[in-house]
Amino acid sequence: MKKIKIISVYSPLKVSYSLLGMVVGGIAYGLTLGNNHVTMGILNPSCRGTYVITPKILTAEGPVYFAGKAD
């Protein structure tokens, strides 16, 4: 039962974080007059990472990356 709660909370939270990152990235793109470096610095961490909790993650055999790497 605890595993279902983790899955049902994590994925919507991650999707919300990604959508917020897309909105902020779009605003940053406009405010910086098209500076891709700034935009990608926002989009990469917010849109990359783990979206789905797998059985390996639940048994601590795999990592969870809420935020992706900023290149």
Protein backbone atom coordinates (compact mmCIF):
# COMPACT_ATOMS: atom_id res chain seq x y z
CA MET A 1 0.00 0.00 0.00
CA LYS A 2 2.87 2.38 0.80
CA LYS A 3 4.38 1.78 -2.66
CA ILE A 4 1.16 2.83 -4.37
CA LYS A 5 1.12 6.09 -2.40
CA ILE A 6 4.71 6.85 -3.43
CA ILE A 7 3.93 6.24 -7.09
CA SER A 8 0.67 8.18 -7.03
CA VAL A 9 2.36 11.22 -5.46
CA TYR A 10 5.74 11.24 -7.21
CA SER A 11 4.72 11.11 -10.88
CA PRO A 12 2.18 13.97 -10.78
CA LEU A 13 4.65 16.03 -8.76
CA LYS A 14 7.40 15.42 -11.34
CA VAL A 15 5.08 16.27 -14.24
CA SER A 16 4.01 19.49 -12.49
CA TYR A 17 7.66 20.41 -11.90
CA SER A 18 8.41 19.81 -15.59
CA LEU A 19 5.47 21.89 -16.78
CA LEU A 20 6.46 24.73 -14.48
CA GLY A 21 10.01 24.51 -15.83
CA MET A 22 8.69 24.75 -19.39
CA VAL A 23 6.68 27.86 -18.56
CA VAL A 24 9.57 29.51 -16.75
CA GLY A 25 11.96 28.46 -19.54
CA GLY A 26 9.68 30.05 -22.13
CA ILE A 27 9.48 33.26 -20.14
CA ALA A 28 13.27 33.28 -19.70
CA TYR A 29 13.73 32.76 -23.44
CA GLY A 30 11.61 35.82 -24.17
CA LEU A 31 13.14 38.00 -21.46
CA THR A 32 16.69 37.17 -22.54
CA LEU A 33 15.83 37.78 -26.20
CA GLY A 34 16.42 34.18 -27.22
CA ASN A 35 19.39 33.20 -25.08
CA ASN A 36 19.36 29.39 -25.37
CA HIS A 37 21.97 28.95 -22.64
CA VAL A 38 19.66 30.42 -20.02
CA THR A 39 16.62 28.57 -21.34
CA MET A 40 18.33 25.19 -21.42
CA GLY A 41 19.70 25.81 -17.93
CA ILE A 42 16.08 25.85 -16.79
CA LEU A 43 14.62 23.18 -19.08
CA ASN A 44 17.27 20.48 -18.62
CA PRO A 45 16.96 20.13 -14.85
CA SER A 46 13.18 20.42 -14.85
CA CYS A 47 12.35 18.17 -17.80
CA ARG A 48 14.96 15.45 -17.44
CA GLY A 49 15.04 12.89 -14.68
CA THR A 50 12.88 10.01 -13.51
CA TYR A 51 9.18 10.19 -14.30
CA VAL A 52 8.11 6.63 -13.48
CA ILE A 53 8.88 4.76 -10.28
CA THR A 54 9.94 1.23 -11.23
CA PRO A 55 10.20 -1.88 -9.05
CA LYS A 56 14.01 -1.48 -9.00
CA ILE A 57 13.64 1.99 -7.53
CA LEU A 58 11.21 0.75 -4.89
CA THR A 59 13.70 -1.89 -3.76
CA ALA A 60 16.55 0.66 -3.70
CA GLU A 61 18.34 -1.04 -6.59
CA GLY A 62 17.98 1.94 -8.90
CA PRO A 63 18.35 5.70 -8.52
CA VAL A 64 15.67 8.38 -8.64
CA TYR A 65 16.61 11.62 -10.34
CA PHE A 66 13.98 14.25 -9.64
CA ALA A 67 16.01 16.91 -11.44
CA GLY A 68 18.16 16.13 -14.45
CA LYS A 69 21.65 17.39 -15.15
CA ALA A 70 22.14 20.88 -16.48
CA ASP A 71 24.58 20.54 -19.38
